[in-house]
Protein backbone atom coordinates (compact mmCIF):
# COMPACT_ATOMS: atom_id res chain seq x y z
CA MET A 1 -65.00 82.07 -104.80
CA PHE A 2 -64.39 83.41 -108.32
CA ASP A 3 -64.53 80.02 -110.05
CA ASN A 4 -67.91 80.53 -111.76
CA LEU A 5 -67.08 84.06 -112.87
CA SER A 6 -63.71 82.91 -114.22
CA GLU A 7 -65.31 80.04 -116.15
CA LYS A 8 -67.96 82.29 -117.74
CA LEU A 9 -65.41 84.95 -118.73
CA GLN A 10 -63.23 82.31 -120.39
CA ARG A 11 -66.26 81.17 -122.39
CA ALA A 12 -66.96 84.75 -123.46
CA PHE A 13 -63.42 85.22 -124.73
CA LYS A 14 -63.69 82.16 -126.97
CA ASN A 15 -66.14 84.02 -129.23
CA LEU A 16 -63.35 86.32 -130.43
CA ARG A 17 -60.93 83.64 -131.55
CA GLY A 18 -59.87 83.69 -135.17
CA GLN A 19 -60.75 87.38 -135.74
CA GLY A 20 -58.24 89.85 -137.22
CA THR A 21 -59.73 93.01 -135.71
CA VAL A 22 -62.02 93.68 -132.79
CA THR A 23 -65.27 95.06 -134.27
CA GLU A 24 -68.70 95.99 -132.91
CA GLU A 25 -70.12 92.78 -134.39
CA ASN A 26 -67.64 90.24 -133.10
CA ILE A 27 -67.36 91.76 -129.64
CA GLN A 28 -71.10 92.21 -129.06
CA GLU A 29 -71.72 88.59 -128.11
CA ALA A 30 -68.61 88.49 -125.91
CA LEU A 31 -69.70 91.67 -124.07
CA ARG A 32 -73.17 90.24 -123.55
CA GLU A 33 -71.68 87.12 -121.96
CA ILE A 34 -69.31 89.21 -119.82
CA ARG A 35 -72.29 91.30 -118.61
CA VAL A 36 -74.26 88.16 -117.72
CA ALA A 37 -71.20 86.69 -115.96
CA LEU A 38 -70.80 89.84 -113.85
CA LEU A 39 -74.48 90.02 -112.91
CA GLU A 40 -74.61 86.33 -112.04
CA ALA A 41 -71.57 86.93 -109.83
CA ASP A 42 -73.74 89.48 -107.93
CA VAL A 43 -71.82 92.52 -109.15
CA ASN A 44 -73.73 95.76 -108.58
CA LEU A 45 -75.87 96.57 -111.67
CA ASN A 46 -74.48 100.09 -112.16
CA VAL A 47 -70.92 98.84 -111.70
CA ALA A 48 -71.47 96.12 -114.33
CA LYS A 49 -72.96 98.61 -116.81
CA GLU A 50 -70.12 101.08 -116.37
CA LEU A 51 -67.49 98.36 -116.69
CA ILE A 52 -69.01 97.00 -119.91
CA GLU A 53 -69.12 100.48 -121.46
CA HIS A 54 -65.49 101.12 -120.62
CA ILE A 55 -64.49 97.78 -122.17
CA ARG A 56 -66.55 98.52 -125.31
CA GLU A 57 -65.02 101.99 -125.74
CA ARG A 58 -61.49 100.67 -125.45
CA ALA A 59 -61.97 97.50 -127.49
CA VAL A 60 -64.12 98.35 -130.52
CA GLY A 61 -62.18 99.47 -133.56
CA GLN A 62 -58.76 99.06 -131.97
CA GLN A 63 -56.16 97.57 -134.26
CA VAL A 64 -54.91 94.35 -132.79
CA MET A 65 -51.37 94.61 -131.44
CA THR A 66 -48.82 92.59 -133.38
CA ALA A 67 -48.01 90.40 -130.40
CA LEU A 68 -51.65 89.88 -129.35
CA SER A 69 -54.61 88.11 -130.87
CA PRO A 70 -58.04 89.83 -130.64
CA THR A 71 -58.91 87.51 -127.75
CA GLU A 72 -55.71 88.38 -125.90
CA GLN A 73 -56.24 92.08 -126.52
CA VAL A 74 -59.78 92.00 -125.10
CA ILE A 75 -58.55 89.96 -122.11
CA LYS A 76 -55.91 92.64 -121.53
CA ILE A 77 -58.55 95.39 -121.71
CA VAL A 78 -60.86 93.47 -119.33
CA ARG A 79 -57.94 92.92 -116.97
CA ASP A 80 -56.98 96.61 -116.98
CA GLU A 81 -60.58 97.70 -116.35
CA LEU A 82 -61.06 95.21 -113.51
CA VAL A 83 -57.81 96.37 -111.89
CA ASP A 84 -59.02 99.98 -112.20
CA LEU A 85 -62.34 98.96 -110.65
CA LEU A 86 -60.61 97.32 -107.67
CA GLY A 87 -58.20 100.19 -107.08
CA LYS A 88 -55.01 99.50 -109.08
CA ASP A 89 -52.49 99.51 -106.23
CA THR A 90 -52.52 97.61 -102.96
CA ALA A 91 -53.98 99.98 -100.35
CA ARG A 92 -51.52 101.29 -97.79
CA PHE A 93 -52.19 100.81 -94.08
CA GLN A 94 -52.10 104.06 -92.10
CA PHE A 95 -49.98 104.26 -88.95
CA ALA A 96 -49.92 107.13 -86.45
CA SER A 97 -46.80 109.30 -86.30
CA ARG A 98 -47.08 108.99 -82.54
CA PRO A 99 -48.20 105.57 -81.19
CA PRO A 100 -50.54 104.01 -80.53
CA THR A 101 -52.19 103.68 -83.93
CA VAL A 102 -55.93 103.22 -83.27
CA ILE A 103 -57.94 100.91 -85.54
CA LEU A 104 -61.72 100.96 -85.20
CA MET A 105 -63.40 97.77 -86.44
CA ALA A 106 -66.95 98.40 -87.70
CA GLY A 107 -69.62 96.13 -89.15
CA LEU A 108 -72.86 94.30 -88.61
CA GLN A 109 -73.26 91.43 -86.16
CA GLY A 110 -72.08 88.13 -87.59
CA SER A 111 -69.75 89.63 -90.20
CA GLY A 112 -66.66 88.29 -88.40
CA LYS A 113 -65.38 91.44 -86.64
CA THR A 114 -63.99 89.66 -83.61
CA THR A 115 -62.18 86.95 -85.54
CA THR A 116 -60.89 89.55 -88.02
CA SER A 117 -59.61 91.71 -85.15
CA GLY A 118 -57.51 88.74 -84.01
CA LYS A 119 -56.26 88.04 -87.53
CA LEU A 120 -55.29 91.68 -87.96
CA ALA A 121 -53.37 91.55 -84.66
CA ALA A 122 -51.55 88.40 -85.86
CA TRP A 123 -50.70 90.12 -89.18
CA LEU A 124 -49.36 93.18 -87.33
CA LYS A 125 -47.27 90.99 -85.00
CA LYS A 126 -45.75 89.29 -88.02
CA GLY A 127 -44.71 92.72 -89.27
CA GLY A 128 -42.92 93.55 -86.02
CA HIS A 129 -45.69 95.57 -84.35
CA ARG A 130 -47.00 95.24 -80.79
CA PRO A 131 -50.81 95.24 -81.01
CA MET A 132 -53.30 95.36 -78.15
CA LEU A 133 -56.91 94.24 -78.50
CA VAL A 134 -59.96 95.56 -76.66
CA SER A 135 -63.63 94.69 -77.01
CA VAL A 136 -66.15 97.46 -76.34
CA ASP A 137 -69.10 95.22 -77.18
CA VAL A 138 -70.75 95.36 -73.74
CA TYR A 139 -74.14 94.22 -75.04
CA ARG A 140 -73.51 90.69 -76.31
CA PRO A 141 -72.79 88.38 -73.33
CA ALA A 142 -70.02 86.30 -74.92
CA ALA A 143 -68.45 88.98 -77.15
CA ARG A 144 -65.68 90.10 -74.78
CA GLU A 145 -64.90 86.52 -73.77
CA GLN A 146 -64.67 85.53 -77.45
CA LEU A 147 -62.06 88.21 -78.13
CA LYS A 148 -60.09 87.05 -75.09
CA VAL A 149 -59.99 83.51 -76.48
CA VAL A 150 -58.89 84.84 -79.88
CA ALA A 151 -56.16 87.01 -78.31
CA ASN A 152 -54.82 84.09 -76.26
CA SER A 153 -54.70 81.86 -79.35
CA ILE A 154 -52.29 84.27 -81.07
CA ASN A 155 -50.48 85.34 -77.89
CA ALA A 156 -51.58 88.97 -78.26
CA LYS A 157 -52.20 91.46 -75.46
CA ILE A 158 -55.78 92.27 -74.55
CA TYR A 159 -57.26 94.93 -72.29
CA GLU A 160 -60.26 93.54 -70.43
CA GLY A 161 -61.14 96.30 -67.95
CA ASP A 162 -63.62 96.07 -65.12
CA THR A 163 -67.28 96.13 -66.18
CA LYS A 164 -68.86 94.70 -63.03
CA GLY A 165 -71.71 96.68 -61.56
CA GLU A 166 -71.93 99.14 -64.44
CA ALA A 167 -74.88 99.17 -66.84
CA ALA A 168 -74.15 98.40 -70.49
CA GLY A 169 -74.26 101.60 -72.49
CA THR A 170 -72.27 104.24 -74.34
CA ALA A 171 -70.68 105.57 -71.13
CA LEU A 172 -69.15 102.16 -70.36
CA VAL A 173 -68.03 101.77 -73.99
CA GLU A 174 -66.23 105.13 -73.90
CA ARG A 175 -64.58 104.38 -70.55
CA LEU A 176 -63.21 101.04 -71.80
CA ALA A 177 -61.89 102.66 -75.00
CA LYS A 178 -60.08 105.45 -73.07
CA GLU A 179 -58.60 103.02 -70.55
CA ALA A 180 -57.42 100.69 -73.30
CA ARG A 181 -55.61 103.49 -75.13
CA ARG A 182 -53.93 104.58 -71.88
CA GLU A 183 -52.91 100.96 -71.18
CA ALA A 184 -51.46 100.64 -74.70
CA VAL A 185 -49.25 103.69 -74.06
CA ILE A 186 -48.10 102.43 -70.65
CA THR A 187 -47.27 98.91 -71.89
CA GLY A 188 -45.53 100.05 -75.08
CA CYS A 189 -48.10 98.68 -77.54
CA ASP A 190 -47.92 100.61 -80.81
CA THR A 191 -51.35 99.57 -82.11
CA LEU A 192 -54.79 99.42 -80.48
CA ILE A 193 -57.48 97.38 -82.25
CA VAL A 194 -60.97 98.25 -81.01
CA ASP A 195 -63.58 95.53 -81.62
CA THR A 196 -66.93 97.34 -81.54
CA ALA A 197 -70.50 96.14 -81.08
CA GLY A 198 -72.57 95.14 -84.09
CA ARG A 199 -76.27 94.94 -84.80
CA LEU A 200 -78.38 92.73 -87.04
CA HIS A 201 -79.12 95.87 -89.02
CA ILE A 202 -78.02 99.51 -89.09
CA ASP A 203 -79.78 101.63 -86.48
CA ASP A 204 -79.38 105.07 -84.90
CA ASN A 205 -78.01 103.76 -81.59
CA LEU A 206 -75.25 101.83 -83.35
CA MET A 207 -74.22 104.76 -85.50
CA ASP A 208 -74.37 107.23 -82.63
CA GLU A 209 -72.05 105.04 -80.54
CA MET A 210 -69.63 104.58 -83.45
CA THR A 211 -69.59 108.34 -84.11
CA ARG A 212 -68.77 109.05 -80.45
CA LEU A 213 -65.99 106.44 -80.46
CA LYS A 214 -64.52 108.03 -83.57
CA ALA A 215 -64.53 111.48 -81.94
CA LEU A 216 -63.01 110.07 -78.73
CA LEU A 217 -60.21 107.96 -80.26
CA ALA A 218 -59.45 109.83 -83.54
CA PRO A 219 -58.57 106.50 -85.20
CA GLN A 220 -56.09 106.27 -88.07
CA GLU A 221 -58.11 103.43 -89.61
CA ILE A 222 -61.85 102.73 -89.60
CA LEU A 223 -62.21 99.33 -91.21
CA PHE A 224 -65.60 97.97 -92.23
CA VAL A 225 -65.72 94.17 -91.90
CA ALA A 226 -68.04 92.70 -94.53
CA ASP A 227 -69.13 89.11 -95.03
CA ALA A 228 -68.46 88.38 -98.73
CA MET A 229 -71.15 85.69 -98.63
CA THR A 230 -73.86 88.35 -98.24
CA GLY A 231 -73.10 89.90 -101.64
CA GLN A 232 -74.83 93.20 -102.36
CA ASP A 233 -76.13 93.43 -98.77
CA ALA A 234 -72.50 93.87 -97.71
CA VAL A 235 -72.07 96.61 -100.33
CA ARG A 236 -75.15 98.50 -99.13
CA SER A 237 -74.07 98.23 -95.48
CA ALA A 238 -70.56 99.47 -96.33
CA GLN A 239 -72.07 102.42 -98.19
CA GLU A 240 -74.19 103.39 -95.18
CA PHE A 241 -71.32 103.03 -92.70
CA HIS A 242 -69.09 105.12 -94.95
CA ARG A 243 -71.72 107.86 -95.17
CA LYS A 244 -71.83 108.12 -91.37
CA LEU A 245 -68.23 107.36 -90.38
CA ALA A 246 -65.98 108.06 -93.40
CA LEU A 247 -64.41 104.59 -93.60
CA THR A 248 -60.75 104.24 -94.54
CA GLY A 249 -61.05 100.70 -95.89
CA VAL A 250 -62.89 97.40 -96.05
CA VAL A 251 -62.04 93.86 -94.93
CA LEU A 252 -63.85 91.07 -96.80
CA THR A 253 -64.29 87.85 -94.80
CA LYS A 254 -65.16 84.32 -95.96
CA MET A 255 -63.43 84.77 -99.32
CA ASP A 256 -62.71 81.03 -99.26
CA GLY A 257 -66.43 80.22 -99.43
CA ASP A 258 -68.72 79.76 -102.40
CA ALA A 259 -69.82 83.39 -102.58
CA ARG A 260 -70.10 84.73 -106.12
CA GLY A 261 -67.51 87.48 -105.73
CA GLY A 262 -69.76 90.42 -106.55
CA ALA A 263 -69.09 92.21 -103.26
CA ALA A 264 -65.33 92.22 -103.90
CA LEU A 265 -65.86 93.72 -107.36
CA SER A 266 -68.45 96.31 -106.28
CA ILE A 267 -67.58 97.56 -102.82
CA ARG A 268 -64.72 99.90 -103.71
CA HIS A 269 -66.58 101.47 -106.62
CA VAL A 270 -69.71 102.08 -104.53
CA THR A 271 -67.97 103.40 -101.38
CA GLY A 272 -64.87 104.92 -102.95
CA GLN A 273 -62.80 103.15 -100.26
CA PRO A 274 -60.33 100.33 -100.94
CA VAL A 275 -60.56 96.72 -99.87
CA LYS A 276 -57.48 96.46 -97.63
CA PHE A 277 -57.59 92.86 -96.42
CA ILE A 278 -59.35 89.58 -97.15
CA GLY A 279 -60.02 86.65 -94.85
CA THR A 280 -59.41 83.32 -96.59
CA GLY A 281 -60.14 80.79 -93.84
CA GLU A 282 -60.70 80.25 -90.14
CA LYS A 283 -57.08 80.09 -88.93
CA PRO A 284 -55.34 83.25 -87.65
CA ASP A 285 -52.92 83.28 -90.60
CA ALA A 286 -55.72 82.98 -93.19
CA PHE A 287 -55.60 86.73 -93.69
CA GLU A 288 -53.79 88.73 -96.34
CA PRO A 289 -53.57 92.20 -97.87
CA PHE A 290 -55.86 92.70 -100.86
CA HIS A 291 -53.84 92.92 -104.09
CA PRO A 292 -56.19 94.05 -106.91
CA ASP A 293 -53.91 92.87 -109.74
CA ARG A 294 -53.52 89.40 -108.20
CA ILE A 295 -57.26 89.00 -107.62
CA VAL A 296 -57.94 89.97 -111.24
CA SER A 297 -55.33 87.46 -112.43
CA ARG A 298 -57.19 84.74 -110.51
CA ILE A 299 -60.52 85.81 -112.01
CA LEU A 300 -59.11 85.66 -115.55
CA GLY A 301 -57.51 82.25 -115.01
CA MET A 302 -53.96 83.60 -114.92
CA GLY A 303 -53.30 82.32 -111.41
CA ASP A 304 -51.60 84.13 -108.55
CA ILE A 305 -47.99 83.04 -108.68
CA MET A 306 -46.77 86.01 -106.61
CA SER A 307 -48.98 85.10 -103.63
CA LEU A 308 -47.93 81.46 -104.01
CA ILE A 309 -44.24 82.44 -103.93
CA GLU A 310 -44.78 84.69 -100.89
CA LYS A 311 -46.64 81.92 -99.07
CA ALA A 312 -43.84 79.46 -99.89
CA GLU A 313 -41.13 81.86 -98.71
CA GLU A 314 -43.06 82.50 -95.52
CA THR A 315 -43.76 78.88 -94.55
CA LEU A 316 -41.21 76.58 -96.19
CA ASP A 317 -37.79 75.75 -94.81
CA LYS A 318 -35.53 76.90 -97.64
CA LYS A 319 -32.62 74.68 -96.63
CA LYS A 320 -34.81 71.55 -96.50
CA SER A 321 -36.45 72.38 -99.83
CA GLU A 322 -33.09 72.88 -101.54
CA GLU A 323 -31.79 69.62 -100.10
CA PHE A 324 -34.90 67.78 -101.32
CA ALA A 325 -34.49 69.29 -104.82
CA ARG A 326 -30.82 68.28 -104.91
CA LYS A 327 -31.64 64.70 -103.95
CA ALA A 328 -34.68 64.48 -106.23
CA LEU A 329 -32.78 65.62 -109.33
CA SER A 330 -29.68 63.56 -108.59
CA GLY A 331 -29.10 60.01 -109.74
CA ASP A 332 -29.66 58.68 -106.20
CA GLY A 333 -33.15 60.15 -105.86
CA PHE A 334 -35.02 60.91 -102.64
CA SER A 335 -36.15 58.55 -99.87
CA LEU A 336 -39.64 58.04 -98.48
CA GLU A 337 -38.47 59.92 -95.40
CA ASP A 338 -37.53 62.89 -97.60
CA PHE A 339 -40.89 62.59 -99.33
CA ARG A 340 -42.75 62.63 -95.98
CA ASP A 341 -40.82 65.68 -94.80
CA GLN A 342 -41.61 67.51 -98.03
CA LEU A 343 -45.31 66.67 -97.70
CA ARG A 344 -45.24 68.16 -94.20
CA GLN A 345 -43.70 71.32 -95.60
CA ILE A 346 -46.33 71.63 -98.33
CA ARG A 347 -49.15 71.12 -95.81
CA LYS A 348 -47.80 74.08 -93.82
CA MET A 349 -48.80 76.28 -96.76
CA GLY A 350 -52.45 75.35 -96.24
CA SER A 351 -54.99 73.50 -98.32
CA LEU A 352 -53.50 71.87 -101.43
CA GLN A 353 -56.72 72.76 -103.25
CA ASN A 354 -56.11 76.46 -102.57
CA ILE A 355 -52.46 76.14 -103.62
CA MET A 356 -53.41 74.51 -106.94
CA LYS A 357 -56.02 77.20 -107.58
CA MET A 358 -53.24 79.81 -107.47
CA LEU A 359 -51.71 78.22 -110.56
CA PRO A 360 -52.75 79.56 -114.00
CA SER A 361 -55.55 77.68 -115.74
CA VAL A 362 -53.78 78.17 -119.08
CA GLY A 363 -50.47 77.10 -120.58
CA PRO A 364 -48.42 74.30 -118.94
CA PHE A 365 -50.69 74.29 -115.88
CA ALA A 366 -53.99 74.02 -117.79
CA GLY A 367 -56.29 71.56 -116.07
CA MET A 368 -54.62 71.70 -112.66
CA GLN A 369 -57.34 73.89 -111.14
CA GLN A 370 -59.87 71.26 -112.23
CA MET A 371 -57.71 68.64 -110.48
CA ALA A 372 -57.89 70.66 -107.26
CA GLY A 373 -61.47 69.59 -106.65
CA GLN A 374 -60.44 65.92 -106.83
CA VAL A 375 -57.80 66.14 -104.12
CA ASP A 376 -58.70 64.46 -100.81
CA GLU A 377 -56.72 66.36 -98.17
CA LYS A 378 -57.23 63.52 -95.64
CA GLN A 379 -55.34 61.17 -97.93
CA PHE A 380 -52.13 63.04 -97.17
CA VAL A 381 -52.60 62.21 -93.49
CA ARG A 382 -52.94 58.55 -94.47
CA VAL A 383 -49.81 58.74 -96.65
CA GLU A 384 -47.82 60.10 -93.71
CA ALA A 385 -49.24 57.39 -91.42
CA ILE A 386 -48.09 54.70 -93.88
CA ILE A 387 -44.56 56.12 -94.05
CA ASN A 388 -44.41 56.50 -90.25
CA SER A 389 -45.34 52.79 -89.88
CA MET A 390 -42.17 51.79 -91.77
CA THR A 391 -38.80 51.28 -90.12
CA PRO A 392 -36.12 53.95 -90.75
CA TYR A 393 -34.28 51.46 -92.96
CA GLU A 394 -37.41 50.80 -95.06
CA ARG A 395 -37.99 54.51 -95.56
CA ASN A 396 -34.52 54.81 -97.06
CA HIS A 397 -34.59 51.48 -98.94
CA HIS A 398 -38.15 51.00 -100.16
CA GLU A 399 -37.20 48.04 -102.34
CA VAL A 400 -36.74 45.77 -99.28
CA ILE A 401 -40.42 46.06 -98.24
CA SER A 402 -41.86 42.57 -98.72
CA GLY A 403 -45.47 41.47 -99.01
CA ALA A 404 -45.58 40.48 -95.33
CA ARG A 405 -44.15 43.84 -94.28
CA ARG A 406 -46.67 45.70 -96.46
CA LYS A 407 -49.47 43.95 -94.59
CA ARG A 408 -47.99 44.93 -91.20
CA ILE A 409 -47.44 48.51 -92.39
CA ALA A 410 -51.10 48.65 -93.49
CA ASN A 411 -52.25 47.35 -90.09
CA GLY A 412 -49.98 49.78 -88.25
CA SER A 413 -51.22 52.79 -90.23
CA GLY A 414 -54.90 51.88 -90.26
CA THR A 415 -54.91 51.60 -94.06
CA SER A 416 -55.13 48.77 -96.60
CA VAL A 417 -52.40 46.82 -98.40
CA GLN A 418 -53.72 48.33 -101.64
CA GLU A 419 -53.07 51.85 -100.33
CA VAL A 420 -49.54 50.87 -99.29
CA ASN A 421 -48.92 49.39 -102.73
CA GLN A 422 -50.33 52.49 -104.42
CA LEU A 423 -48.06 54.80 -102.41
CA LEU A 424 -44.94 52.74 -103.19
CA ARG A 425 -45.85 52.59 -106.88
CA GLN A 426 -46.44 56.35 -107.13
CA TYR A 427 -43.29 57.06 -105.13
CA ALA A 428 -41.26 54.96 -107.60
CA GLN A 429 -42.85 56.82 -110.52
CA MET A 430 -42.02 60.20 -108.97
CA ARG A 431 -38.39 59.18 -108.38
CA LYS A 432 -38.11 58.18 -112.02
CA MET A 433 -39.78 61.40 -113.18
CA PHE A 434 -37.47 63.63 -111.11
CA LYS A 435 -34.41 61.81 -112.42
CA GLY A 436 -35.67 62.59 -115.92
CA LEU A 437 -36.01 66.25 -114.99
CA GLY A 438 -32.42 66.20 -113.78
CA LYS A 439 -31.36 65.00 -117.24
CA GLY A 440 -33.18 67.88 -118.94
CA ASN A 441 -36.40 66.30 -120.18
CA VAL A 442 -39.40 68.44 -121.14
CA LEU A 443 -40.59 70.35 -118.04
CA GLN A 444 -44.21 70.73 -119.06
CA ARG A 445 -44.83 67.02 -119.59
CA ARG A 446 -43.07 66.11 -116.36
CA ALA A 447 -44.84 68.81 -114.34
CA MET A 448 -48.17 67.46 -115.52
CA GLY A 449 -47.02 63.96 -114.59
CA MET A 450 -46.16 65.15 -111.10
CA MET A 451 -49.57 66.75 -110.62
CA SER A 452 -51.23 63.59 -111.92
CA GLY A 453 -49.33 61.72 -109.24
CA MET A 454 -50.59 64.17 -106.62
CA LYS A 455 -54.10 63.67 -107.97
CA GLY A 456 -53.68 59.92 -107.50
CA LEU A 457 -52.55 60.41 -103.92
CA GLY A 458 -55.67 62.46 -103.29
CA ARG A 459 -58.03 59.62 -104.09
């Protein structure tokens, strides 16, 4: 979602190249472009003004560090200021000294509270916690059923309660909340996630009910769920909720969309509360803690290698990956069966486009983020179908595949002979490239060759 902002900031930095010292004159144009980039990204006007002034104060007249060019020095200043704006450190999640920890999910209707409640439960389960979910949205007919479906999909406990014959209202909401907390204690659940009702807009009834729930449950966390696609509307709503409820943090949903990113850059400054989590997709595991330094690195084109490493450690089979690397770099090379298994592992990490966007857009990886948009994820399904249509012997001895067999493989996989030929050709090129890496050839050139091969597979 930060692609446009990142591109405009990179263009602004180019104005400073070739200068010996950062002066008022040579930074003026760059600051103007940075301001425009921020405003076009839907950053709050006051936030953008304050950020630009801080950058100007720190940049103008500074002697350029020996190891840094003026451009690099300004990039460093912009990076530091953006990290300050977003909160420096990753926000800590508050747990009760005596379980259960109560988490109150707040937000407007349609912001993704119910889905986010499920994702938060899945994240807590991964960390060894025992969460329970409860919906106190007694007004929207399908709300409670929706949370039940979400809870079942992640195998999390849910308290449903009996609502038959009782009118929807604050009394019913409070009863369900009290019963759910009691049930969490009895069943040994250490966390209770309360999915509350939303409205299309902020009104007195909504806020009164939220205030009463807060007094009743004394939650450790009150998280405001904001749709990043709504930009400054999300910021204004968060500000109003914080004024009434004293939020402890924000969750930004739909961060994988084409929103301009302004909400992420503005919401902490305006509310004074940190962004604690971001939703990056529809699946339960598309949810991660918000790391300000990593987000800023993405914005400035420096990639997010740490998140990429964590995702790899979390999803990849280390033993299989090491075995593949050993075979790939050895003189014998790797088989098509090994290649298929490795593709399956990579696909576990999620969209290849998102993975490539975590790489830096400078240095050896320059250009790879542009390649990301050209990757056809469905092509990887076709590649696997082609390999699956081969016999085990053919997967391990690709050179025996004749023209007649290629035609049968194409028919069996629902692809064309040309696609089969393309896969075998690219596979042979990758084997040759990896052997070269094993002999110590230049990593940068080979890495780019590998990504070019991936790009070809994505057509």
